[in-house]
Amino acid sequence: MNRGFVVAGLPVLAVAVLLTGSGALAAAGDADSIAPAANLAGVASSAAARSPFGPACSSVPARGKGSFTGMADDPVATAASHNPALSTLVKAVKKAGLVDTLNGADGITVFAPTNQAFAKIPKKSLKKVMANKKMLTSILTYHVVQGRKTPADLRSARLTTLQGGKVRASGSGTTYKINNARVVCGDVATRNASVYIIDTVLMPKM
């Protein structure tokens, strides 16, 4: 039986209705539930075993909230807020009202576009998207999938997103792509998510 994603104890469709005032976002019908409670000891152990990779990883601070160790202590939206390279994404998440949704989920993977990724979008178009909560929510939730994905999970896969659409993952070693976006810093652990920082904003079918 199809159950769809569950975020903070609510089905995704219900979350979408609360966020957008409509049923515009599709629930991911063939995915498992996202459990609302985390096993923090297991998460800490998993985070310690992580080995982030990619050219952009070298710019991450060695210590403090924005370091890999610091990000592992915080839920994903909070962790992203400590990374200056993700400030546009953090602004978008706040505008869409998704901070609590992302921070409250457990066992997810987030494909996080850099500021440079957002800069590839024409300013007029980006401004329009930022002002349209429904459209912004659809785009941002297209960057989230169920489960803490490892690089092995991304070698060749079609993944159902929180938005309901599919993304294509491919690659090997330390080189991976999500649709047409290149992973520039992958397998970053936060308290409730795995993060793959990407160089292009993923665009769902509207």
C-alpha atoms as a PDB file:
ATOM      1  CA  MET A   1       0.000   0.000   0.000  1.00  0.00           C
ATOM      2  CA  ASN A   2       1.398   3.415  -0.925  1.00  0.00           C
ATOM      3  CA  ARG A   3       1.996   5.515   2.180  1.00  0.00           C
ATOM      4  CA  GLY A   4       3.937   8.558   0.980  1.00  0.00           C
ATOM      5  CA  PHE A   5       6.426  10.572   2.962  1.00  0.00           C
ATOM      6  CA  VAL A   6       5.729  11.493   6.557  1.00  0.00           C
ATOM      7  CA  VAL A   7       7.393  14.618   7.944  1.00  0.00           C
ATOM      8  CA  ALA A   8       7.132  15.432  11.628  1.00  0.00           C
ATOM      9  CA  GLY A   9       4.282  12.954  11.894  1.00  0.00           C
ATOM     10  CA  LEU A  10       2.217  14.397   9.023  1.00  0.00           C
ATOM     11  CA  PRO A  11       1.779  13.025   5.482  1.00  0.00           C
ATOM     12  CA  VAL A  12       3.591  15.203   2.942  1.00  0.00           C
ATOM     13  CA  LEU A  13       0.337  16.133   1.205  1.00  0.00           C
ATOM     14  CA  ALA A  14      -0.947  17.528   4.494  1.00  0.00           C
ATOM     15  CA  VAL A  15       2.315  19.419   5.000  1.00  0.00           C
ATOM     16  CA  ALA A  16       2.034  20.813   1.473  1.00  0.00           C
ATOM     17  CA  VAL A  17      -1.527  21.967   2.127  1.00  0.00           C
ATOM     18  CA  LEU A  18      -0.448  23.678   5.329  1.00  0.00           C
ATOM     19  CA  LEU A  19       2.455  25.371   3.575  1.00  0.00           C
ATOM     20  CA  THR A  20       0.774  26.399   0.331  1.00  0.00           C
ATOM     21  CA  GLY A  21      -2.930  26.488   1.108  1.00  0.00           C
ATOM     22  CA  SER A  22      -3.607  23.956  -1.648  1.00  0.00           C
ATOM     23  CA  GLY A  23      -2.918  20.385  -2.686  1.00  0.00           C
ATOM     24  CA  ALA A  24      -0.532  21.565  -5.394  1.00  0.00           C
ATOM     25  CA  LEU A  25       2.369  19.371  -4.340  1.00  0.00           C
ATOM     26  CA  ALA A  26       2.198  15.662  -5.120  1.00  0.00           C
ATOM     27  CA  ALA A  27       2.907  13.167  -2.359  1.00  0.00           C
ATOM     28  CA  ALA A  28       5.629  10.644  -3.053  1.00  0.00           C
ATOM     29  CA  GLY A  29       3.419   7.606  -3.400  1.00  0.00           C
ATOM     30  CA  ASP A  30       5.984   4.818  -3.551  1.00  0.00           C
ATOM     31  CA  ALA A  31       8.337   5.923  -0.770  1.00  0.00           C
ATOM     32  CA  ASP A  32       8.728   4.806   2.791  1.00  0.00           C
ATOM     33  CA  SER A  33       7.785   7.008   5.720  1.00  0.00           C
ATOM     34  CA  ILE A  34      10.207   9.425   7.320  1.00  0.00           C
ATOM     35  CA  ALA A  35      10.193   8.567  11.014  1.00  0.00           C
ATOM     36  CA  PRO A  36       9.641  11.553  13.314  1.00  0.00           C
ATOM     37  CA  ALA A  37      12.009  10.408  16.069  1.00  0.00           C
ATOM     38  CA  ALA A  38      15.784  10.139  15.738  1.00  0.00           C
ATOM     39  CA  ASN A  39      18.205   7.746  17.388  1.00  0.00           C
ATOM     40  CA  LEU A  40      20.747  10.422  18.286  1.00  0.00           C
ATOM     41  CA  ALA A  41      23.433   7.975  19.359  1.00  0.00           C
ATOM     42  CA  GLY A  42      23.212   6.216  16.007  1.00  0.00           C
ATOM     43  CA  VAL A  43      23.253   9.532  14.149  1.00  0.00           C
ATOM     44  CA  ALA A  44      26.359  10.680  16.033  1.00  0.00           C
ATOM     45  CA  SER A  45      28.115   7.423  15.205  1.00  0.00           C
ATOM     46  CA  SER A  46      27.106   7.701  11.547  1.00  0.00           C
ATOM     47  CA  ALA A  47      28.281  11.316  11.383  1.00  0.00           C
ATOM     48  CA  ALA A  48      31.662  10.371  12.829  1.00  0.00           C
ATOM     49  CA  ALA A  49      32.113   7.788  10.065  1.00  0.00           C
ATOM     50  CA  ARG A  50      31.348  10.262   7.266  1.00  0.00           C
ATOM     51  CA  SER A  51      34.061  11.416   4.902  1.00  0.00           C
ATOM     52  CA  PRO A  52      32.812  14.402   2.875  1.00  0.00           C
ATOM     53  CA  PHE A  53      34.311  14.712  -0.610  1.00  0.00           C
ATOM     54  CA  GLY A  54      34.439  17.202  -3.465  1.00  0.00           C
ATOM     55  CA  PRO A  55      36.240  20.436  -4.428  1.00  0.00           C
ATOM     56  CA  ALA A  56      33.967  22.715  -2.387  1.00  0.00           C
ATOM     57  CA  CYS A  57      34.627  20.797   0.831  1.00  0.00           C
ATOM     58  CA  SER A  58      37.991  22.546   1.198  1.00  0.00           C
ATOM     59  CA  SER A  59      36.210  25.853   1.905  1.00  0.00           C
ATOM     60  CA  VAL A  60      34.367  24.462   4.940  1.00  0.00           C
ATOM     61  CA  PRO A  61      35.777  25.833   8.231  1.00  0.00           C
ATOM     62  CA  ALA A  62      37.918  23.438  10.249  1.00  0.00           C
ATOM     63  CA  ARG A  63      36.063  24.198  13.480  1.00  0.00           C
ATOM     64  CA  GLY A  64      32.945  25.893  14.799  1.00  0.00           C
ATOM     65  CA  LYS A  65      29.261  25.669  13.854  1.00  0.00           C
ATOM     66  CA  GLY A  66      30.051  25.763  10.140  1.00  0.00           C
ATOM     67  CA  SER A  67      32.545  22.892  10.282  1.00  0.00           C
ATOM     68  CA  PHE A  68      31.627  19.320   9.405  1.00  0.00           C
ATOM     69  CA  THR A  69      31.647  18.439  13.095  1.00  0.00           C
ATOM     70  CA  GLY A  70      29.505  21.458  13.965  1.00  0.00           C
ATOM     71  CA  MET A  71      26.970  20.739  11.212  1.00  0.00           C
ATOM     72  CA  ALA A  72      26.601  17.159  12.445  1.00  0.00           C
ATOM     73  CA  ASP A  73      25.251  18.519  15.731  1.00  0.00           C
ATOM     74  CA  ASP A  74      22.412  20.559  14.157  1.00  0.00           C
ATOM     75  CA  PRO A  75      19.307  19.672  12.116  1.00  0.00           C
ATOM     76  CA  VAL A  76      19.712  20.334   8.414  1.00  0.00           C
ATOM     77  CA  ALA A  77      18.158  23.801   7.979  1.00  0.00           C
ATOM     78  CA  THR A  78      20.036  25.110  11.012  1.00  0.00           C
ATOM     79  CA  ALA A  79      23.284  23.499   9.854  1.00  0.00           C
ATOM     80  CA  ALA A  80      22.908  25.108   6.410  1.00  0.00           C
ATOM     81  CA  SER A  81      22.481  28.525   8.020  1.00  0.00           C
ATOM     82  CA  HIS A  82      26.063  28.275   9.328  1.00  0.00           C
ATOM     83  CA  ASN A  83      27.483  27.807   5.827  1.00  0.00           C
ATOM     84  CA  PRO A  84      27.916  31.159   3.977  1.00  0.00           C
ATOM     85  CA  ALA A  85      27.931  29.345   0.616  1.00  0.00           C
ATOM     86  CA  LEU A  86      24.306  28.290   1.226  1.00  0.00           C
ATOM     87  CA  SER A  87      22.892  31.669   2.303  1.00  0.00           C
ATOM     88  CA  THR A  88      20.571  31.996  -0.726  1.00  0.00           C
ATOM     89  CA  LEU A  89      19.190  28.518  -0.096  1.00  0.00           C
ATOM     90  CA  VAL A  90      18.621  29.344   3.570  1.00  0.00           C
ATOM     91  CA  LYS A  91      16.793  32.541   2.584  1.00  0.00           C
ATOM     92  CA  ALA A  92      14.586  30.549   0.188  1.00  0.00           C
ATOM     93  CA  VAL A  93      13.814  27.905   2.827  1.00  0.00           C
ATOM     94  CA  LYS A  94      12.743  30.637   5.260  1.00  0.00           C
ATOM     95  CA  LYS A  95      10.553  32.334   2.638  1.00  0.00           C
ATOM     96  CA  ALA A  96       8.845  29.017   1.867  1.00  0.00           C
ATOM     97  CA  GLY A  97       8.231  28.332   5.553  1.00  0.00           C
ATOM     98  CA  LEU A  98      10.135  25.047   5.384  1.00  0.00           C
ATOM     99  CA  VAL A  99      12.610  25.501   8.251  1.00  0.00           C
ATOM    100  CA  ASP A 100      10.577  23.554  10.811  1.00  0.00           C
ATOM    101  CA  THR A 101       9.571  20.935   8.231  1.00  0.00           C
ATOM    102  CA  LEU A 102      13.192  20.166   7.329  1.00  0.00           C
ATOM    103  CA  ASN A 103      14.514  20.427  10.872  1.00  0.00           C
ATOM    104  CA  GLY A 104      11.714  18.196  12.160  1.00  0.00           C
ATOM    105  CA  ALA A 105      12.210  15.410   9.617  1.00  0.00           C
ATOM    106  CA  ASP A 106      14.516  12.490  10.273  1.00  0.00           C
ATOM    107  CA  GLY A 107      16.297  10.299   7.786  1.00  0.00           C
ATOM    108  CA  ILE A 108      16.339  12.527   4.684  1.00  0.00           C
ATOM    109  CA  THR A 109      18.842  13.583   2.045  1.00  0.00           C
ATOM    110  CA  VAL A 110      19.048  17.187   0.865  1.00  0.00           C
ATOM    111  CA  PHE A 111      20.630  18.286  -2.409  1.00  0.00           C
ATOM    112  CA  ALA A 112      21.688  21.815  -1.458  1.00  0.00           C
ATOM    113  CA  PRO A 113      22.388  24.354  -4.237  1.00  0.00           C
ATOM    114  CA  THR A 114      25.173  26.851  -3.591  1.00  0.00           C
ATOM    115  CA  ASN A 115      24.795  30.619  -3.926  1.00  0.00           C
ATOM    116  CA  GLN A 116      26.530  30.286  -7.303  1.00  0.00           C
ATOM    117  CA  ALA A 117      23.895  27.763  -8.368  1.00  0.00           C
ATOM    118  CA  PHE A 118      21.121  30.255  -7.651  1.00  0.00           C
ATOM    119  CA  ALA A 119      23.146  32.949  -9.443  1.00  0.00           C
ATOM    120  CA  LYS A 120      22.841  30.943 -12.676  1.00  0.00           C
ATOM    121  CA  ILE A 121      19.111  31.745 -12.666  1.00  0.00           C
ATOM    122  CA  PRO A 122      18.348  35.125 -14.317  1.00  0.00           C
ATOM    123  CA  LYS A 123      17.756  37.727 -11.599  1.00  0.00           C
ATOM    124  CA  LYS A 124      14.259  38.539 -12.818  1.00  0.00           C
ATOM    125  CA  SER A 125      13.256  34.862 -12.775  1.00  0.00           C
ATOM    126  CA  LEU A 126      14.821  34.248  -9.364  1.00  0.00           C
ATOM    127  CA  LYS A 127      13.016  37.244  -7.914  1.00  0.00           C
ATOM    128  CA  LYS A 128       9.721  35.927  -9.295  1.00  0.00           C
ATOM    129  CA  VAL A 129      10.306  32.483  -7.782  1.00  0.00           C
ATOM    130  CA  MET A 130      11.291  33.921  -4.401  1.00  0.00           C
ATOM    131  CA  ALA A 131       8.032  35.899  -4.329  1.00  0.00           C
ATOM    132  CA  ASN A 132       5.848  32.880  -5.182  1.00  0.00           C
ATOM    133  CA  LYS A 133       5.613  30.643  -2.102  1.00  0.00           C
ATOM    134  CA  LYS A 134       3.823  27.826  -3.921  1.00  0.00           C
ATOM    135  CA  MET A 135       6.421  27.668  -6.708  1.00  0.00           C
ATOM    136  CA  LEU A 136       9.324  28.085  -4.270  1.00  0.00           C
ATOM    137  CA  THR A 137       8.037  25.269  -2.060  1.00  0.00           C
ATOM    138  CA  SER A 138       7.717  22.971  -5.070  1.00  0.00           C
ATOM    139  CA  ILE A 139      11.294  23.689  -6.173  1.00  0.00           C
ATOM    140  CA  LEU A 140      12.808  23.314  -2.704  1.00  0.00           C
ATOM    141  CA  THR A 141      10.994  20.073  -1.865  1.00  0.00           C
ATOM    142  CA  TYR A 142      12.253  18.693  -5.202  1.00  0.00           C
ATOM    143  CA  HIS A 143      15.712  18.819  -3.577  1.00  0.00           C
ATOM    144  CA  VAL A 144      14.759  16.455  -0.718  1.00  0.00           C
ATOM    145  CA  VAL A 145      14.481  12.660  -0.786  1.00  0.00           C
ATOM    146  CA  GLN A 146      13.660  10.050   1.834  1.00  0.00           C
ATOM    147  CA  GLY A 147      16.540   8.235   3.538  1.00  0.00           C
ATOM    148  CA  ARG A 148      20.100   9.225   4.374  1.00  0.00           C
ATOM    149  CA  LYS A 149      21.678   8.364   1.025  1.00  0.00           C
ATOM    150  CA  THR A 150      25.292   7.228   0.809  1.00  0.00           C
ATOM    151  CA  PRO A 151      27.430   7.722  -2.309  1.00  0.00           C
ATOM    152  CA  ALA A 152      26.772   4.056  -3.143  1.00  0.00           C
ATOM    153  CA  ASP A 153      23.036   4.850  -3.245  1.00  0.00           C
ATOM    154  CA  LEU A 154      23.687   7.537  -5.874  1.00  0.00           C
ATOM    155  CA  ARG A 155      25.683   5.465  -8.375  1.00  0.00           C
ATOM    156  CA  SER A 156      22.668   4.843 -10.591  1.00  0.00           C
ATOM    157  CA  ALA A 157      19.219   5.578  -9.231  1.00  0.00           C
ATOM    158  CA  ARG A 158      15.927   7.345  -9.763  1.00  0.00           C
ATOM    159  CA  LEU A 159      14.855   8.854  -6.474  1.00  0.00           C
ATOM    160  CA  THR A 160      11.400  10.075  -5.495  1.00  0.00           C
ATOM    161  CA  THR A 161      11.514  13.557  -4.002  1.00  0.00           C
ATOM    162  CA  LEU A 162       9.438  15.184  -1.303  1.00  0.00           C
ATOM    163  CA  GLN A 163       7.814  17.234  -4.085  1.00  0.00           C
ATOM    164  CA  GLY A 164       6.661  14.014  -5.739  1.00  0.00           C
ATOM    165  CA  GLY A 165       8.840  14.141  -8.841  1.00  0.00           C
ATOM    166  CA  LYS A 166      11.906  12.027  -9.600  1.00  0.00           C
ATOM    167  CA  VAL A 167      15.593  12.935  -9.781  1.00  0.00           C
ATOM    168  CA  ARG A 168      18.303  10.923 -11.520  1.00  0.00           C
ATOM    169  CA  ALA A 169      21.462  10.182  -9.549  1.00  0.00           C
ATOM    170  CA  SER A 170      24.611   8.876 -11.219  1.00  0.00           C
ATOM    171  CA  GLY A 171      28.339   8.642 -10.669  1.00  0.00           C
ATOM    172  CA  SER A 172      31.088   6.816  -8.829  1.00  0.00           C
ATOM    173  CA  GLY A 173      34.082   7.461  -6.609  1.00  0.00           C
ATOM    174  CA  THR A 174      33.964  11.163  -5.773  1.00  0.00           C
ATOM    175  CA  THR A 175      32.136  12.311  -8.911  1.00  0.00           C
ATOM    176  CA  TYR A 176      28.340  12.389  -8.837  1.00  0.00           C
ATOM    177  CA  LYS A 177      25.500  14.194 -10.579  1.00  0.00           C
ATOM    178  CA  ILE A 178      21.890  14.776  -9.610  1.00  0.00           C
ATOM    179  CA  ASN A 179      20.029  15.397 -12.873  1.00  0.00           C
ATOM    180  CA  ASN A 180      22.350  17.951 -14.517  1.00  0.00           C
ATOM    181  CA  ALA A 181      23.813  19.252 -11.239  1.00  0.00           C
ATOM    182  CA  ARG A 182      27.318  18.316 -10.137  1.00  0.00           C
ATOM    183  CA  VAL A 183      27.944  17.374  -6.503  1.00  0.00           C
ATOM    184  CA  VAL A 184      30.694  19.737  -5.281  1.00  0.00           C
ATOM    185  CA  CYS A 185      30.755  18.602  -1.656  1.00  0.00           C
ATOM    186  CA  GLY A 186      29.080  15.304  -0.891  1.00  0.00           C
ATOM    187  CA  ASP A 187      28.113  13.075   2.018  1.00  0.00           C
ATOM    188  CA  VAL A 188      27.958  15.850   4.625  1.00  0.00           C
ATOM    189  CA  ALA A 189      26.197  14.728   7.793  1.00  0.00           C
ATOM    190  CA  THR A 190      23.782  16.835   9.823  1.00  0.00           C
ATOM    191  CA  ARG A 191      21.822  15.625  12.831  1.00  0.00           C
ATOM    192  CA  ASN A 192      18.850  14.525  10.741  1.00  0.00           C
ATOM    193  CA  ALA A 193      20.030  14.457   7.135  1.00  0.00           C
ATOM    194  CA  SER A 194      22.742  13.708   4.624  1.00  0.00           C
ATOM    195  CA  VAL A 195      23.626  16.716   2.469  1.00  0.00           C
ATOM    196  CA  TYR A 196      25.065  16.832  -1.033  1.00  0.00           C
ATOM    197  CA  ILE A 197      25.986  20.379  -2.056  1.00  0.00           C
ATOM    198  CA  ILE A 198      25.346  20.914  -5.782  1.00  0.00           C
ATOM    199  CA  ASP A 199      26.306  23.530  -8.374  1.00  0.00           C
ATOM    200  CA  THR A 200      22.918  23.877 -10.132  1.00  0.00           C
ATOM    201  CA  VAL A 201      19.355  24.367  -8.888  1.00  0.00           C
ATOM    202  CA  LEU A 202      17.178  21.360  -9.727  1.00  0.00           C
ATOM    203  CA  MET A 203      13.959  22.288 -11.529  1.00  0.00           C
ATOM    204  CA  PRO A 204      10.878  20.040 -11.299  1.00  0.00           C
ATOM    205  CA  LYS A 205       8.207  19.853 -13.958  1.00  0.00           C
ATOM    206  CA  MET A 206       5.625  22.491 -13.084  1.00  0.00           C
END
